[in-house]
Amino acid sequence: MQAIRLQQTIEKDSEIHLSDLPVFQGQEVEVIVLISPLPEPKKTFTARQLLNSGLIGIWEDRTDIKDSLTYARQLREQSQAKRYDLFG
């Protein structure tokens, strides 16, 4: 049995359109639909929500962090280096 892989984004709920396939009248086919999960919506915060979230000032009482900007930059660099190690 030959396999043909088609990927498309659904434009209208519950509808898939297939056309121009190399199949002929009387030929039997089997269609298997694999559905990918919907992407998680990205959570965004308003400025007020961010201020009320507890994230602002989270490092305020840490005695081991002298410069929060430098510390945040180091965390970003470490994160990027780890990603590079995984995919680089």
PDB file of N, CA and C in Angstrom:
ATOM      1  N   MET A   1       0.846  -1.175   0.000  1.00  0.00           N
ATOM      2  CA  MET A   1       0.000   0.000   0.000  1.00  0.00           C
ATOM      3  C   MET A   1       0.891   1.238   0.000  1.00  0.00           C
ATOM      4  N   GLN A   2       0.566   2.193  -0.823  1.00  0.00           N
ATOM      5  CA  GLN A   2       1.307   3.446  -0.933  1.00  0.00           C
ATOM      6  C   GLN A   2       0.748   4.454   0.075  1.00  0.00           C
ATOM      7  N   ALA A   3       1.605   5.272   0.660  1.00  0.00           N
ATOM      8  CA  ALA A   3       1.168   6.307   1.604  1.00  0.00           C
ATOM      9  C   ALA A   3       1.427   7.682   1.008  1.00  0.00           C
ATOM     10  N   ILE A   4       0.477   8.544   1.183  1.00  0.00           N
ATOM     11  CA  ILE A   4       0.606   9.941   0.760  1.00  0.00           C
ATOM     12  C   ILE A   4       0.376  10.788   1.998  1.00  0.00           C
ATOM     13  N   ARG A   5       1.306  11.658   2.279  1.00  0.00           N
ATOM     14  CA  ARG A   5       1.170  12.502   3.470  1.00  0.00           C
ATOM     15  C   ARG A   5       0.815  13.919   3.036  1.00  0.00           C
ATOM     16  N   LEU A   6      -0.285  14.401   3.558  1.00  0.00           N
ATOM     17  CA  LEU A   6      -0.710  15.772   3.316  1.00  0.00           C
ATOM     18  C   LEU A   6      -0.894  16.458   4.655  1.00  0.00           C
ATOM     19  N   GLN A   7      -0.419  17.660   4.773  1.00  0.00           N
ATOM     20  CA  GLN A   7      -0.637  18.434   5.989  1.00  0.00           C
ATOM     21  C   GLN A   7      -1.299  19.729   5.585  1.00  0.00           C
ATOM     22  N   GLN A   8      -2.315  20.089   6.337  1.00  0.00           N
ATOM     23  CA  GLN A   8      -2.978  21.352   6.067  1.00  0.00           C
ATOM     24  C   GLN A   8      -3.571  21.901   7.348  1.00  0.00           C
ATOM     25  N   THR A   9      -3.791  23.185   7.341  1.00  0.00           N
ATOM     26  CA  THR A   9      -4.431  23.845   8.474  1.00  0.00           C
ATOM     27  C   THR A   9      -5.921  23.893   8.197  1.00  0.00           C
ATOM     28  N   ILE A  10      -6.705  23.522   9.185  1.00  0.00           N
ATOM     29  CA  ILE A  10      -8.150  23.502   9.023  1.00  0.00           C
ATOM     30  C   ILE A  10      -8.658  24.935   8.912  1.00  0.00           C
ATOM     31  N   GLU A  11      -9.381  25.212   7.847  1.00  0.00           N
ATOM     32  CA  GLU A  11      -9.912  26.554   7.633  1.00  0.00           C
ATOM     33  C   GLU A  11     -11.329  26.693   8.155  1.00  0.00           C
ATOM     34  N   LYS A  12     -12.073  25.584   8.180  1.00  0.00           N
ATOM     35  CA  LYS A  12     -13.448  25.621   8.678  1.00  0.00           C
ATOM     36  C   LYS A  12     -13.652  24.400   9.559  1.00  0.00           C
ATOM     37  N   ASP A  13     -14.239  24.590  10.744  1.00  0.00           N
ATOM     38  CA  ASP A  13     -14.455  23.489  11.680  1.00  0.00           C
ATOM     39  C   ASP A  13     -15.058  22.277  10.973  1.00  0.00           C
ATOM     40  N   SER A  14     -14.514  21.103  11.288  1.00  0.00           N
ATOM     41  CA  SER A  14     -15.034  19.807  10.845  1.00  0.00           C
ATOM     42  C   SER A  14     -14.883  19.541   9.350  1.00  0.00           C
ATOM     43  N   GLU A  15     -14.083  20.324   8.638  1.00  0.00           N
ATOM     44  CA  GLU A  15     -13.945  20.099   7.197  1.00  0.00           C
ATOM     45  C   GLU A  15     -12.485  19.901   6.800  1.00  0.00           C
ATOM     46  N   ILE A  16     -12.273  18.876   5.990  1.00  0.00           N
ATOM     47  CA  ILE A  16     -10.985  18.622   5.358  1.00  0.00           C
ATOM     48  C   ILE A  16     -11.257  18.410   3.878  1.00  0.00           C
ATOM     49  N   HIS A  17     -10.494  19.069   3.024  1.00  0.00           N
ATOM     50  CA  HIS A  17     -10.683  18.931   1.591  1.00  0.00           C
ATOM     51  C   HIS A  17      -9.447  18.271   0.989  1.00  0.00           C
ATOM     52  N   LEU A  18      -9.659  17.183   0.270  1.00  0.00           N
ATOM     53  CA  LEU A  18      -8.587  16.488  -0.419  1.00  0.00           C
ATOM     54  C   LEU A  18      -8.881  16.541  -1.911  1.00  0.00           C
ATOM     55  N   SER A  19      -7.880  16.864  -2.691  1.00  0.00           N
ATOM     56  CA  SER A  19      -8.073  16.893  -4.143  1.00  0.00           C
ATOM     57  C   SER A  19      -6.740  16.628  -4.826  1.00  0.00           C
ATOM     58  N   ASP A  20      -6.826  16.341  -6.110  1.00  0.00           N
ATOM     59  CA  ASP A  20      -5.640  16.102  -6.951  1.00  0.00           C
ATOM     60  C   ASP A  20      -4.776  14.961  -6.423  1.00  0.00           C
ATOM     61  N   LEU A  21      -5.418  13.914  -5.913  1.00  0.00           N
ATOM     62  CA  LEU A  21      -4.697  12.741  -5.432  1.00  0.00           C
ATOM     63  C   LEU A  21      -4.559  11.730  -6.570  1.00  0.00           C
ATOM     64  N   PRO A  22      -3.485  10.958  -6.565  1.00  0.00           N
ATOM     65  CA  PRO A  22      -3.298   9.949  -7.619  1.00  0.00           C
ATOM     66  C   PRO A  22      -4.121   8.685  -7.339  1.00  0.00           C
ATOM     67  N   VAL A  23      -5.445   8.849  -7.268  1.00  0.00           N
ATOM     68  CA  VAL A  23      -6.348   7.719  -7.030  1.00  0.00           C
ATOM     69  C   VAL A  23      -7.389   7.689  -8.147  1.00  0.00           C
ATOM     70  N   PHE A  24      -7.929   6.481  -8.383  1.00  0.00           N
ATOM     71  CA  PHE A  24      -8.821   6.309  -9.518  1.00  0.00           C
ATOM     72  C   PHE A  24     -10.120   5.646  -9.089  1.00  0.00           C
ATOM     73  N   GLN A  25     -11.130   5.865  -9.869  1.00  0.00           N
ATOM     74  CA  GLN A  25     -12.452   5.302  -9.598  1.00  0.00           C
ATOM     75  C   GLN A  25     -12.350   3.798  -9.392  1.00  0.00           C
ATOM     76  N   GLY A  26     -12.983   3.306  -8.339  1.00  0.00           N
ATOM     77  CA  GLY A  26     -12.970   1.881  -8.033  1.00  0.00           C
ATOM     78  C   GLY A  26     -11.823   1.466  -7.121  1.00  0.00           C
ATOM     79  N   GLN A  27     -10.842   2.314  -6.966  1.00  0.00           N
ATOM     80  CA  GLN A  27      -9.695   2.010  -6.111  1.00  0.00           C
ATOM     81  C   GLN A  27     -10.091   2.230  -4.657  1.00  0.00           C
ATOM     82  N   GLU A  28      -9.675   1.319  -3.776  1.00  0.00           N
ATOM     83  CA  GLU A  28      -9.966   1.474  -2.359  1.00  0.00           C
ATOM     84  C   GLU A  28      -8.861   2.276  -1.685  1.00  0.00           C
ATOM     85  N   VAL A  29      -9.263   3.163  -0.787  1.00  0.00           N
ATOM     86  CA  VAL A  29      -8.306   3.967  -0.021  1.00  0.00           C
ATOM     87  C   VAL A  29      -8.712   3.943   1.442  1.00  0.00           C
ATOM     88  N   GLU A  30      -7.767   4.188   2.304  1.00  0.00           N
ATOM     89  CA  GLU A  30      -8.015   4.316   3.735  1.00  0.00           C
ATOM     90  C   GLU A  30      -7.480   5.676   4.154  1.00  0.00           C
ATOM     91  N   VAL A  31      -8.267   6.417   4.871  1.00  0.00           N
ATOM     92  CA  VAL A  31      -7.865   7.747   5.324  1.00  0.00           C
ATOM     93  C   VAL A  31      -7.730   7.711   6.838  1.00  0.00           C
ATOM     94  N   ILE A  32      -6.566   8.102   7.333  1.00  0.00           N
ATOM     95  CA  ILE A  32      -6.313   8.202   8.761  1.00  0.00           C
ATOM     96  C   ILE A  32      -6.021   9.671   9.053  1.00  0.00           C
ATOM     97  N   VAL A  33      -6.729  10.233   9.995  1.00  0.00           N
ATOM     98  CA  VAL A  33      -6.542  11.645  10.342  1.00  0.00           C
ATOM     99  C   VAL A  33      -5.810  11.718  11.671  1.00  0.00           C
ATOM    100  N   LEU A  34      -4.634  12.319  11.670  1.00  0.00           N
ATOM    101  CA  LEU A  34      -3.851  12.550  12.877  1.00  0.00           C
ATOM    102  C   LEU A  34      -4.006  14.025  13.243  1.00  0.00           C
ATOM    103  N   ILE A  35      -4.476  14.276  14.437  1.00  0.00           N
ATOM    104  CA  ILE A  35      -4.766  15.647  14.850  1.00  0.00           C
ATOM    105  C   ILE A  35      -3.708  16.120  15.846  1.00  0.00           C
ATOM    106  N   SER A  36      -3.041  17.210  15.508  1.00  0.00           N
ATOM    107  CA  SER A  36      -2.055  17.766  16.436  1.00  0.00           C
ATOM    108  C   SER A  36      -2.794  18.600  17.478  1.00  0.00           C
ATOM    109  N   PRO A  37      -2.249  18.669  18.680  1.00  0.00           N
ATOM    110  CA  PRO A  37      -2.926  19.457  19.724  1.00  0.00           C
ATOM    111  C   PRO A  37      -2.922  20.939  19.366  1.00  0.00           C
ATOM    112  N   LEU A  38      -3.944  21.619  19.823  1.00  0.00           N
ATOM    113  CA  LEU A  38      -3.985  23.065  19.617  1.00  0.00           C
ATOM    114  C   LEU A  38      -2.892  23.706  20.459  1.00  0.00           C
ATOM    115  N   PRO A  39      -2.223  24.718  19.938  1.00  0.00           N
ATOM    116  CA  PRO A  39      -1.195  25.381  20.744  1.00  0.00           C
ATOM    117  C   PRO A  39      -1.819  26.063  21.951  1.00  0.00           C
ATOM    118  N   GLU A  40      -1.083  26.034  23.047  1.00  0.00           N
ATOM    119  CA  GLU A  40      -1.536  26.715  24.254  1.00  0.00           C
ATOM    120  C   GLU A  40      -1.524  28.219  23.995  1.00  0.00           C
ATOM    121  N   PRO A  41      -2.584  28.897  24.360  1.00  0.00           N
ATOM    122  CA  PRO A  41      -2.557  30.351  24.176  1.00  0.00           C
ATOM    123  C   PRO A  41      -1.482  30.965  25.069  1.00  0.00           C
ATOM    124  N   LYS A  42      -0.774  31.915  24.518  1.00  0.00           N
ATOM    125  CA  LYS A  42       0.264  32.573  25.300  1.00  0.00           C
ATOM    126  C   LYS A  42      -0.386  33.475  26.333  1.00  0.00           C
ATOM    127  N   LYS A  43       0.059  33.319  27.572  1.00  0.00           N
ATOM    128  CA  LYS A  43      -0.502  34.132  28.642  1.00  0.00           C
ATOM    129  C   LYS A  43       0.236  35.465  28.655  1.00  0.00           C
ATOM    130  N   THR A  44      -0.534  36.506  28.621  1.00  0.00           N
ATOM    131  CA  THR A  44       0.044  37.843  28.671  1.00  0.00           C
ATOM    132  C   THR A  44      -0.505  38.561  29.900  1.00  0.00           C
ATOM    133  N   PHE A  45       0.277  39.474  30.402  1.00  0.00           N
ATOM    134  CA  PHE A  45      -0.102  40.234  31.577  1.00  0.00           C
ATOM    135  C   PHE A  45      -0.243  41.702  31.200  1.00  0.00           C
ATOM    136  N   THR A  46      -1.200  42.352  31.803  1.00  0.00           N
ATOM    137  CA  THR A  46      -1.233  43.813  31.726  1.00  0.00           C
ATOM    138  C   THR A  46      -0.203  44.318  32.728  1.00  0.00           C
ATOM    139  N   ALA A  47       0.132  45.571  32.637  1.00  0.00           N
ATOM    140  CA  ALA A  47       1.097  46.148  33.582  1.00  0.00           C
ATOM    141  C   ALA A  47       0.586  46.011  35.009  1.00  0.00           C
ATOM    142  N   ARG A  48      -0.710  46.233  35.216  1.00  0.00           N
ATOM    143  CA  ARG A  48      -1.293  46.131  36.557  1.00  0.00           C
ATOM    144  C   ARG A  48      -1.207  44.688  37.065  1.00  0.00           C
ATOM    145  N   GLN A  49      -1.524  43.714  36.204  1.00  0.00           N
ATOM    146  CA  GLN A  49      -1.442  42.307  36.612  1.00  0.00           C
ATOM    147  C   GLN A  49      -0.003  41.933  36.960  1.00  0.00           C
ATOM    148  N   LEU A  50       0.939  42.429  36.183  1.00  0.00           N
ATOM    149  CA  LEU A  50       2.346  42.143  36.456  1.00  0.00           C
ATOM    150  C   LEU A  50       2.764  42.737  37.795  1.00  0.00           C
ATOM    151  N   LEU A  51       2.362  43.957  38.065  1.00  0.00           N
ATOM    152  CA  LEU A  51       2.690  44.583  39.346  1.00  0.00           C
ATOM    153  C   LEU A  51       2.082  43.824  40.522  1.00  0.00           C
ATOM    154  N   ASN A  52       0.893  43.272  40.332  1.00  0.00           N
ATOM    155  CA  ASN A  52       0.201  42.545  41.400  1.00  0.00           C
ATOM    156  C   ASN A  52       0.569  41.068  41.462  1.00  0.00           C
ATOM    157  N   SER A  53       1.407  40.597  40.554  1.00  0.00           N
ATOM    158  CA  SER A  53       1.707  39.169  40.463  1.00  0.00           C
ATOM    159  C   SER A  53       2.709  38.682  41.511  1.00  0.00           C
ATOM    160  N   GLY A  54       3.426  39.584  42.114  1.00  0.00           N
ATOM    161  CA  GLY A  54       4.465  39.169  43.051  1.00  0.00           C
ATOM    162  C   GLY A  54       5.818  38.979  42.382  1.00  0.00           C
ATOM    163  N   LEU A  55       5.887  39.109  41.073  1.00  0.00           N
ATOM    164  CA  LEU A  55       7.163  38.959  40.370  1.00  0.00           C
ATOM    165  C   LEU A  55       8.062  40.185  40.540  1.00  0.00           C
ATOM    166  N   ILE A  56       7.441  41.336  40.600  1.00  0.00           N
ATOM    167  CA  ILE A  56       8.216  42.561  40.766  1.00  0.00           C
ATOM    168  C   ILE A  56       8.786  42.568  42.180  1.00  0.00           C
ATOM    169  N   GLY A  57      10.085  42.683  42.264  1.00  0.00           N
ATOM    170  CA  GLY A  57      10.749  42.719  43.563  1.00  0.00           C
ATOM    171  C   GLY A  57      11.018  41.342  44.157  1.00  0.00           C
ATOM    172  N   ILE A  58      10.913  40.299  43.353  1.00  0.00           N
ATOM    173  CA  ILE A  58      11.066  38.930  43.869  1.00  0.00           C
ATOM    174  C   ILE A  58      12.465  38.684  44.441  1.00  0.00           C
ATOM    175  N   TRP A  59      13.465  39.412  43.945  1.00  0.00           N
ATOM    176  CA  TRP A  59      14.836  39.210  44.424  1.00  0.00           C
ATOM    177  C   TRP A  59      15.224  40.251  45.478  1.00  0.00           C
ATOM    178  N   GLU A  60      14.291  41.052  45.895  1.00  0.00           N
ATOM    179  CA  GLU A  60      14.579  42.178  46.784  1.00  0.00           C
ATOM    180  C   GLU A  60      15.304  41.765  48.067  1.00  0.00           C
ATOM    181  N   ASP A  61      14.899  40.681  48.680  1.00  0.00           N
ATOM    182  CA  ASP A  61      15.475  40.267  49.962  1.00  0.00           C
ATOM    183  C   ASP A  61      16.635  39.282  49.822  1.00  0.00           C
ATOM    184  N   ARG A  62      17.049  38.990  48.591  1.00  0.00           N
ATOM    185  CA  ARG A  62      18.154  38.056  48.403  1.00  0.00           C
ATOM    186  C   ARG A  62      19.474  38.759  48.679  1.00  0.00           C
ATOM    187  N   THR A  63      20.249  38.204  49.592  1.00  0.00           N
ATOM    188  CA  THR A  63      21.535  38.820  49.928  1.00  0.00           C
ATOM    189  C   THR A  63      22.648  38.383  48.985  1.00  0.00           C
ATOM    190  N   ASP A  64      22.408  37.288  48.239  1.00  0.00           N
ATOM    191  CA  ASP A  64      23.439  36.786  47.332  1.00  0.00           C
ATOM    192  C   ASP A  64      23.401  37.486  45.969  1.00  0.00           C
ATOM    193  N   ILE A  65      22.414  38.327  45.714  1.00  0.00           N
ATOM    194  CA  ILE A  65      22.305  39.045  44.446  1.00  0.00           C
ATOM    195  C   ILE A  65      22.568  40.523  44.714  1.00  0.00           C
ATOM    196  N   LYS A  66      23.720  40.985  44.257  1.00  0.00           N
ATOM    197  CA  LYS A  66      24.101  42.378  44.484  1.00  0.00           C
ATOM    198  C   LYS A  66      23.517  43.296  43.406  1.00  0.00           C
ATOM    199  N   ASP A  67      23.522  42.822  42.157  1.00  0.00           N
ATOM    200  CA  ASP A  67      23.046  43.625  41.030  1.00  0.00           C
ATOM    201  C   ASP A  67      22.036  42.783  40.257  1.00  0.00           C
ATOM    202  N   SER A  68      20.742  43.092  40.385  1.00  0.00           N
ATOM    203  CA  SER A  68      19.698  42.262  39.782  1.00  0.00           C
ATOM    204  C   SER A  68      19.751  42.276  38.252  1.00  0.00           C
ATOM    205  N   LEU A  69      20.171  43.395  37.647  1.00  0.00           N
ATOM    206  CA  LEU A  69      20.279  43.441  36.190  1.00  0.00           C
ATOM    207  C   LEU A  69      21.354  42.480  35.690  1.00  0.00           C
ATOM    208  N   THR A  70      22.493  42.483  36.347  1.00  0.00           N
ATOM    209  CA  THR A  70      23.573  41.569  35.977  1.00  0.00           C
ATOM    210  C   THR A  70      23.144  40.123  36.201  1.00  0.00           C
ATOM    211  N   TYR A  71      22.479  39.873  37.313  1.00  0.00           N
ATOM    212  CA  TYR A  71      22.016  38.523  37.629  1.00  0.00           C
ATOM    213  C   TYR A  71      21.023  38.028  36.569  1.00  0.00           C
ATOM    214  N   ALA A  72      20.078  38.875  36.183  1.00  0.00           N
ATOM    215  CA  ALA A  72      19.093  38.500  35.169  1.00  0.00           C
ATOM    216  C   ALA A  72      19.782  38.233  33.835  1.00  0.00           C
ATOM    217  N   ARG A  73      20.766  39.048  33.476  1.00  0.00           N
ATOM    218  CA  ARG A  73      21.512  38.850  32.234  1.00  0.00           C
ATOM    219  C   ARG A  73      22.242  37.502  32.253  1.00  0.00           C
ATOM    220  N   GLN A  74      22.851  37.161  33.391  1.00  0.00           N
ATOM    221  CA  GLN A  74      23.548  35.881  33.517  1.00  0.00           C
ATOM    222  C   GLN A  74      22.576  34.711  33.374  1.00  0.00           C
ATOM    223  N   LEU A  75      21.381  34.827  33.964  1.00  0.00           N
ATOM    224  CA  LEU A  75      20.375  33.764  33.824  1.00  0.00           C
ATOM    225  C   LEU A  75      19.970  33.571  32.366  1.00  0.00           C
ATOM    226  N   ARG A  76      19.767  34.682  31.648  1.00  0.00           N
ATOM    227  CA  ARG A  76      19.410  34.588  30.225  1.00  0.00           C
ATOM    228  C   ARG A  76      20.529  33.928  29.431  1.00  0.00           C
ATOM    229  N   GLU A  77      21.766  34.326  29.686  1.00  0.00           N
ATOM    230  CA  GLU A  77      22.906  33.755  28.967  1.00  0.00           C
ATOM    231  C   GLU A  77      23.041  32.258  29.245  1.00  0.00           C
ATOM    232  N   GLN A  78      22.839  31.856  30.501  1.00  0.00           N
ATOM    233  CA  GLN A  78      22.896  30.431  30.853  1.00  0.00           C
ATOM    234  C   GLN A  78      21.797  29.654  30.140  1.00  0.00           C
ATOM    235  N   SER A  79      20.617  30.228  30.092  1.00  0.00           N
ATOM    236  CA  SER A  79      19.492  29.575  29.422  1.00  0.00           C
ATOM    237  C   SER A  79      19.776  29.414  27.931  1.00  0.00           C
ATOM    238  N   GLN A  80      20.300  30.453  27.304  1.00  0.00           N
ATOM    239  CA  GLN A  80      20.618  30.383  25.880  1.00  0.00           C
ATOM    240  C   GLN A  80      21.732  29.384  25.627  1.00  0.00           C
ATOM    241  N   ALA A  81      22.717  29.313  26.493  1.00  0.00           N
ATOM    242  CA  ALA A  81      23.820  28.365  26.332  1.00  0.00           C
ATOM    243  C   ALA A  81      23.296  26.933  26.437  1.00  0.00           C
ATOM    244  N   LYS A  82      22.368  26.682  27.346  1.00  0.00           N
ATOM    245  CA  LYS A  82      21.787  25.337  27.479  1.00  0.00           C
ATOM    246  C   LYS A  82      21.036  24.960  26.226  1.00  0.00           C
ATOM    247  N   ARG A  83      20.257  25.908  25.671  1.00  0.00           N
ATOM    248  CA  ARG A  83      19.524  25.627  24.432  1.00  0.00           C
ATOM    249  C   ARG A  83      20.494  25.352  23.298  1.00  0.00           C
ATOM    250  N   TYR A  84      21.594  26.088  23.238  1.00  0.00           N
ATOM    251  CA  TYR A  84      22.575  25.879  22.180  1.00  0.00           C
ATOM    252  C   TYR A  84      23.187  24.493  22.323  1.00  0.00           C
ATOM    253  N   ASP A  85      23.460  24.077  23.561  1.00  0.00           N
ATOM    254  CA  ASP A  85      24.023  22.748  23.787  1.00  0.00           C
ATOM    255  C   ASP A  85      23.065  21.666  23.311  1.00  0.00           C
ATOM    256  N   LEU A  86      21.773  21.878  23.496  1.00  0.00           N
ATOM    257  CA  LEU A  86      20.784  20.882  23.085  1.00  0.00           C
ATOM    258  C   LEU A  86      20.611  20.837  21.576  1.00  0.00           C
ATOM    259  N   PHE A  87      20.632  22.006  20.910  1.00  0.00           N
ATOM    260  CA  PHE A  87      20.299  22.055  19.504  1.00  0.00           C
ATOM    261  C   PHE A  87      21.463  22.487  18.618  1.00  0.00           C
ATOM    262  N   GLY A  88      22.563  22.889  19.208  1.00  0.00           N
ATOM    263  CA  GLY A  88      23.656  23.431  18.435  1.00  0.00           C
ATOM    264  C   GLY A  88      24.492  22.387  17.838  1.00  0.00           C
TER     265      GLY A  88
END
